[in-house]
N, C-alpha and C. Protein backbone atom coordinates (compact mmCIF):
# COMPACT_ATOMS: atom_id res chain seq x y z
N UNK A 1 -50.42 -21.10 33.24
CA UNK A 1 -49.64 -22.22 32.71
C UNK A 1 -50.00 -22.44 31.25
N UNK A 2 -49.01 -22.52 30.38
CA UNK A 2 -49.26 -22.71 28.96
C UNK A 2 -49.66 -24.13 28.65
N UNK A 3 -50.57 -24.27 27.67
CA UNK A 3 -50.99 -25.58 27.21
C UNK A 3 -49.88 -26.20 26.37
N UNK A 4 -49.62 -27.48 26.59
CA UNK A 4 -48.61 -28.19 25.81
C UNK A 4 -49.24 -28.64 24.50
N UNK A 5 -48.62 -28.31 23.39
CA UNK A 5 -49.14 -28.66 22.07
C UNK A 5 -48.28 -29.73 21.43
N UNK A 6 -48.92 -30.64 20.71
CA UNK A 6 -48.22 -31.66 19.94
C UNK A 6 -48.69 -31.56 18.50
N UNK A 7 -47.77 -31.73 17.57
CA UNK A 7 -48.10 -31.80 16.16
C UNK A 7 -47.32 -32.95 15.54
N UNK A 8 -47.84 -33.48 14.46
CA UNK A 8 -47.12 -34.47 13.67
C UNK A 8 -46.59 -33.71 12.46
N UNK A 9 -45.28 -33.51 12.42
CA UNK A 9 -44.65 -32.77 11.32
C UNK A 9 -44.25 -33.76 10.23
N UNK A 10 -44.70 -33.49 9.03
CA UNK A 10 -44.38 -34.32 7.87
C UNK A 10 -43.42 -33.53 7.01
N UNK A 11 -42.21 -34.05 6.85
CA UNK A 11 -41.16 -33.37 6.09
C UNK A 11 -40.90 -34.14 4.81
N UNK A 12 -40.74 -33.41 3.71
CA UNK A 12 -40.50 -34.08 2.43
C UNK A 12 -39.01 -34.28 2.13
N UNK A 13 -38.14 -34.00 3.10
CA UNK A 13 -36.71 -34.17 2.91
C UNK A 13 -36.25 -35.38 3.70
N UNK A 14 -35.76 -36.40 3.01
CA UNK A 14 -35.36 -37.65 3.67
C UNK A 14 -34.20 -37.47 4.65
N UNK A 15 -33.38 -36.47 4.47
CA UNK A 15 -32.23 -36.26 5.36
C UNK A 15 -32.66 -35.64 6.68
N UNK A 16 -33.67 -34.76 6.66
CA UNK A 16 -34.04 -33.98 7.84
C UNK A 16 -35.10 -34.60 8.74
N UNK A 17 -35.60 -35.75 8.41
CA UNK A 17 -36.74 -36.22 9.18
C UNK A 17 -36.44 -37.42 10.07
N UNK A 18 -37.28 -37.56 11.08
CA UNK A 18 -37.31 -38.76 11.91
C UNK A 18 -38.52 -39.54 11.45
N UNK A 19 -38.34 -40.81 11.15
CA UNK A 19 -39.44 -41.56 10.57
C UNK A 19 -40.13 -42.44 11.59
N UNK A 20 -41.40 -42.70 11.30
CA UNK A 20 -42.20 -43.66 12.04
C UNK A 20 -42.94 -44.46 10.99
N UNK A 21 -43.00 -45.77 11.18
CA UNK A 21 -43.58 -46.62 10.15
C UNK A 21 -45.09 -46.52 10.06
N UNK A 22 -45.76 -45.97 11.09
CA UNK A 22 -47.21 -45.81 11.04
C UNK A 22 -47.63 -44.77 12.08
N UNK A 23 -48.92 -44.49 12.10
CA UNK A 23 -49.44 -43.47 13.01
C UNK A 23 -49.25 -43.81 14.48
N UNK A 24 -49.38 -45.09 14.82
CA UNK A 24 -49.20 -45.51 16.22
C UNK A 24 -47.78 -45.21 16.68
N UNK A 25 -46.79 -45.55 15.85
CA UNK A 25 -45.39 -45.28 16.20
C UNK A 25 -45.14 -43.77 16.31
N UNK A 26 -45.77 -43.00 15.43
CA UNK A 26 -45.61 -41.55 15.50
C UNK A 26 -46.18 -41.01 16.80
N UNK A 27 -47.34 -41.53 17.22
CA UNK A 27 -47.93 -41.10 18.48
C UNK A 27 -47.06 -41.50 19.66
N UNK A 28 -46.46 -42.69 19.60
CA UNK A 28 -45.55 -43.12 20.66
C UNK A 28 -44.35 -42.16 20.74
N UNK A 29 -43.84 -41.77 19.58
CA UNK A 29 -42.71 -40.85 19.53
C UNK A 29 -43.06 -39.51 20.19
N UNK A 30 -44.33 -39.09 20.01
CA UNK A 30 -44.80 -37.86 20.62
C UNK A 30 -45.15 -38.04 22.10
N UNK A 31 -45.15 -39.30 22.57
CA UNK A 31 -45.53 -39.56 23.95
C UNK A 31 -47.03 -39.64 24.14
N UNK A 32 -47.78 -39.85 23.05
CA UNK A 32 -49.24 -39.88 23.12
C UNK A 32 -49.82 -41.27 22.87
N UNK A 33 -49.00 -42.22 22.44
CA UNK A 33 -49.50 -43.54 22.12
C UNK A 33 -49.30 -44.52 23.25
N UNK A 34 -49.88 -45.70 23.08
CA UNK A 34 -49.74 -46.78 24.07
C UNK A 34 -48.78 -47.82 23.50
N UNK A 35 -47.55 -47.90 24.03
CA UNK A 35 -46.58 -48.86 23.50
C UNK A 35 -46.98 -50.31 23.73
N UNK A 36 -47.95 -50.57 24.60
CA UNK A 36 -48.39 -51.94 24.88
C UNK A 36 -49.46 -52.42 23.90
N UNK A 37 -49.92 -51.54 23.03
CA UNK A 37 -50.99 -51.86 22.08
C UNK A 37 -50.50 -52.91 21.09
N UNK A 38 -51.19 -54.09 21.07
CA UNK A 38 -50.75 -55.15 20.17
C UNK A 38 -51.86 -55.67 19.27
N UNK A 39 -53.11 -55.61 19.69
CA UNK A 39 -54.22 -56.13 18.88
C UNK A 39 -54.43 -55.24 17.66
N UNK A 40 -54.38 -55.82 16.46
CA UNK A 40 -54.42 -55.01 15.24
C UNK A 40 -55.76 -54.30 15.05
N UNK A 41 -56.89 -54.92 15.42
CA UNK A 41 -58.17 -54.24 15.21
C UNK A 41 -58.32 -53.07 16.17
N UNK A 42 -57.90 -53.23 17.43
CA UNK A 42 -57.99 -52.10 18.35
C UNK A 42 -56.94 -51.05 18.01
N UNK A 43 -55.83 -51.48 17.44
CA UNK A 43 -54.81 -50.53 17.03
C UNK A 43 -55.37 -49.59 15.96
N UNK A 44 -56.08 -50.13 14.98
CA UNK A 44 -56.63 -49.30 13.92
C UNK A 44 -57.63 -48.30 14.49
N UNK A 45 -58.50 -48.72 15.42
CA UNK A 45 -59.46 -47.80 16.02
C UNK A 45 -58.75 -46.76 16.86
N UNK A 46 -57.79 -47.17 17.66
CA UNK A 46 -57.03 -46.24 18.51
C UNK A 46 -56.26 -45.26 17.64
N UNK A 47 -55.66 -45.77 16.58
CA UNK A 47 -54.87 -44.92 15.69
C UNK A 47 -55.76 -43.84 15.09
N UNK A 48 -56.93 -44.23 14.59
CA UNK A 48 -57.84 -43.27 13.97
C UNK A 48 -58.28 -42.22 14.97
N UNK A 49 -58.62 -42.64 16.18
CA UNK A 49 -59.09 -41.73 17.22
C UNK A 49 -57.99 -40.75 17.63
N UNK A 50 -56.80 -41.25 17.93
CA UNK A 50 -55.71 -40.38 18.39
C UNK A 50 -55.19 -39.49 17.29
N UNK A 51 -55.13 -40.00 16.06
CA UNK A 51 -54.59 -39.19 14.97
C UNK A 51 -55.48 -38.00 14.66
N UNK A 52 -56.79 -38.13 14.89
CA UNK A 52 -57.68 -37.00 14.65
C UNK A 52 -57.39 -35.86 15.61
N UNK A 53 -56.80 -36.17 16.77
CA UNK A 53 -56.51 -35.15 17.76
C UNK A 53 -55.13 -34.52 17.59
N UNK A 54 -54.27 -35.11 16.76
CA UNK A 54 -52.92 -34.59 16.57
C UNK A 54 -52.88 -33.85 15.23
N UNK A 55 -52.69 -32.53 15.26
CA UNK A 55 -52.64 -31.77 14.02
C UNK A 55 -51.42 -32.16 13.18
N UNK A 56 -51.62 -32.22 11.88
CA UNK A 56 -50.54 -32.53 10.94
C UNK A 56 -50.08 -31.23 10.30
N UNK A 57 -48.76 -31.03 10.34
CA UNK A 57 -48.15 -29.85 9.73
C UNK A 57 -47.15 -30.34 8.68
N UNK A 58 -47.26 -29.83 7.48
CA UNK A 58 -46.38 -30.21 6.38
C UNK A 58 -45.22 -29.22 6.32
N UNK A 59 -43.99 -29.75 6.27
CA UNK A 59 -42.78 -28.92 6.14
C UNK A 59 -42.14 -29.19 4.79
N UNK A 60 -41.83 -28.15 4.07
CA UNK A 60 -41.20 -28.32 2.77
C UNK A 60 -40.37 -27.09 2.42
N UNK A 61 -39.30 -27.31 1.68
CA UNK A 61 -38.52 -26.18 1.18
C UNK A 61 -39.05 -25.71 -0.17
N UNK A 62 -40.00 -26.45 -0.73
CA UNK A 62 -40.56 -26.11 -2.04
C UNK A 62 -41.92 -25.44 -1.88
N UNK A 63 -42.11 -24.35 -2.57
CA UNK A 63 -43.37 -23.61 -2.53
C UNK A 63 -44.16 -23.92 -3.79
N UNK A 64 -44.82 -25.08 -3.79
CA UNK A 64 -45.57 -25.54 -4.96
C UNK A 64 -47.07 -25.48 -4.61
N UNK A 65 -47.80 -24.50 -5.16
CA UNK A 65 -49.20 -24.31 -4.77
C UNK A 65 -50.07 -25.56 -4.90
N UNK A 66 -49.88 -26.36 -5.94
CA UNK A 66 -50.70 -27.56 -6.08
C UNK A 66 -50.43 -28.56 -4.94
N UNK A 67 -49.16 -28.68 -4.53
CA UNK A 67 -48.82 -29.57 -3.42
C UNK A 67 -49.40 -29.04 -2.11
N UNK A 68 -49.28 -27.73 -1.90
CA UNK A 68 -49.81 -27.11 -0.69
C UNK A 68 -51.32 -27.34 -0.60
N UNK A 69 -52.03 -27.06 -1.69
CA UNK A 69 -53.49 -27.24 -1.71
C UNK A 69 -53.89 -28.68 -1.48
N UNK A 70 -53.15 -29.62 -2.06
CA UNK A 70 -53.45 -31.03 -1.88
C UNK A 70 -53.26 -31.44 -0.42
N UNK A 71 -52.20 -30.99 0.21
CA UNK A 71 -51.94 -31.30 1.62
C UNK A 71 -53.04 -30.74 2.51
N UNK A 72 -53.41 -29.50 2.29
CA UNK A 72 -54.44 -28.88 3.11
C UNK A 72 -55.80 -29.53 2.87
N UNK A 73 -56.09 -29.88 1.62
CA UNK A 73 -57.35 -30.55 1.32
C UNK A 73 -57.42 -31.95 1.93
N UNK A 74 -56.26 -32.55 2.16
CA UNK A 74 -56.19 -33.89 2.75
C UNK A 74 -56.23 -33.86 4.27
N UNK A 75 -56.28 -32.67 4.86
CA UNK A 75 -56.44 -32.59 6.31
C UNK A 75 -55.30 -31.97 7.08
N UNK A 76 -54.22 -31.57 6.41
CA UNK A 76 -53.13 -30.91 7.13
C UNK A 76 -53.63 -29.58 7.69
N UNK A 77 -53.21 -29.25 8.90
CA UNK A 77 -53.61 -28.00 9.53
C UNK A 77 -52.88 -26.81 8.94
N UNK A 78 -51.62 -27.05 8.51
CA UNK A 78 -50.82 -25.94 8.02
C UNK A 78 -49.70 -26.48 7.14
N UNK A 79 -49.29 -25.68 6.18
CA UNK A 79 -48.14 -25.96 5.33
C UNK A 79 -47.11 -24.89 5.65
N UNK A 80 -45.92 -25.29 6.05
CA UNK A 80 -44.88 -24.34 6.43
C UNK A 80 -43.65 -24.52 5.56
N UNK A 81 -43.16 -23.41 5.04
CA UNK A 81 -41.98 -23.48 4.17
C UNK A 81 -40.71 -23.35 5.00
N UNK A 82 -39.75 -24.22 4.69
CA UNK A 82 -38.45 -24.19 5.37
C UNK A 82 -37.53 -23.20 4.67
N UNK A 83 -36.58 -22.66 5.36
CA UNK A 83 -36.24 -22.91 6.77
C UNK A 83 -37.23 -22.20 7.69
N UNK A 84 -37.58 -22.88 8.79
CA UNK A 84 -38.50 -22.31 9.77
C UNK A 84 -37.78 -21.30 10.64
N UNK A 85 -38.53 -20.29 11.06
CA UNK A 85 -38.03 -19.29 12.00
C UNK A 85 -38.89 -19.38 13.26
N UNK A 86 -38.43 -18.78 14.31
CA UNK A 86 -39.19 -18.77 15.56
C UNK A 86 -40.57 -18.16 15.33
N UNK A 87 -40.65 -17.13 14.50
CA UNK A 87 -41.94 -16.50 14.22
C UNK A 87 -42.90 -17.48 13.54
N UNK A 88 -42.37 -18.44 12.76
CA UNK A 88 -43.22 -19.45 12.13
C UNK A 88 -43.83 -20.37 13.18
N UNK A 89 -43.03 -20.73 14.18
CA UNK A 89 -43.50 -21.59 15.25
C UNK A 89 -44.58 -20.86 16.07
N UNK A 90 -44.36 -19.58 16.32
CA UNK A 90 -45.37 -18.79 17.05
C UNK A 90 -46.66 -18.69 16.24
N UNK A 91 -46.53 -18.52 14.94
CA UNK A 91 -47.71 -18.46 14.06
C UNK A 91 -48.46 -19.79 14.10
N UNK A 92 -47.74 -20.90 14.07
CA UNK A 92 -48.36 -22.21 14.16
C UNK A 92 -49.09 -22.37 15.49
N UNK A 93 -48.44 -21.98 16.56
CA UNK A 93 -49.05 -22.08 17.90
C UNK A 93 -50.35 -21.29 17.96
N UNK A 94 -50.33 -20.07 17.47
CA UNK A 94 -51.55 -19.25 17.47
C UNK A 94 -52.63 -19.88 16.59
N UNK A 95 -52.25 -20.40 15.46
CA UNK A 95 -53.20 -21.04 14.55
C UNK A 95 -53.87 -22.24 15.23
N UNK A 96 -53.08 -23.06 15.89
CA UNK A 96 -53.63 -24.26 16.53
C UNK A 96 -54.52 -23.91 17.72
N UNK A 97 -54.15 -22.91 18.49
CA UNK A 97 -54.96 -22.53 19.64
C UNK A 97 -56.29 -21.92 19.18
N UNK A 98 -56.27 -21.17 18.08
CA UNK A 98 -57.52 -20.62 17.55
C UNK A 98 -58.41 -21.71 16.99
N UNK A 99 -57.81 -22.74 16.39
CA UNK A 99 -58.59 -23.84 15.84
C UNK A 99 -59.29 -24.63 16.95
N UNK A 100 -58.66 -24.69 18.11
CA UNK A 100 -59.22 -25.47 19.21
C UNK A 100 -60.29 -24.71 19.99
N UNK A 101 -60.32 -23.40 19.89
CA UNK A 101 -61.28 -22.65 20.71
C UNK A 101 -62.53 -22.31 19.94
C-alpha cells in the first residue's frame, strides 16, 4: 500500500492558486488541520507543529536563481518550474520519500 503524501504548494500566479489566509486554513484544506481549533495561543503552537510536518513546494513559471535559492533557504523542500509534468510529480514524490527515510 502506497503512503499518502501531502504538500503545501505555493504558487506565485494569482490566477492559478487556491488561497488560504494562514497555515491552519491550509492544513484544513489538506485535511490535516482541526477545524474546531479556536484558541489563538494553541492555534499558534498547533500551526507550528503541523506545518513542520507538511513539506512546502514552490511552483513558478519563472526560473530566477535568486528566488529559487531564497525559497529553498527559507525551508521549501523543492522549487518546481511550471508547467508541471507527471514526471515532475514523480520526482517530487521520490524526493519527499527519500527525505523522510
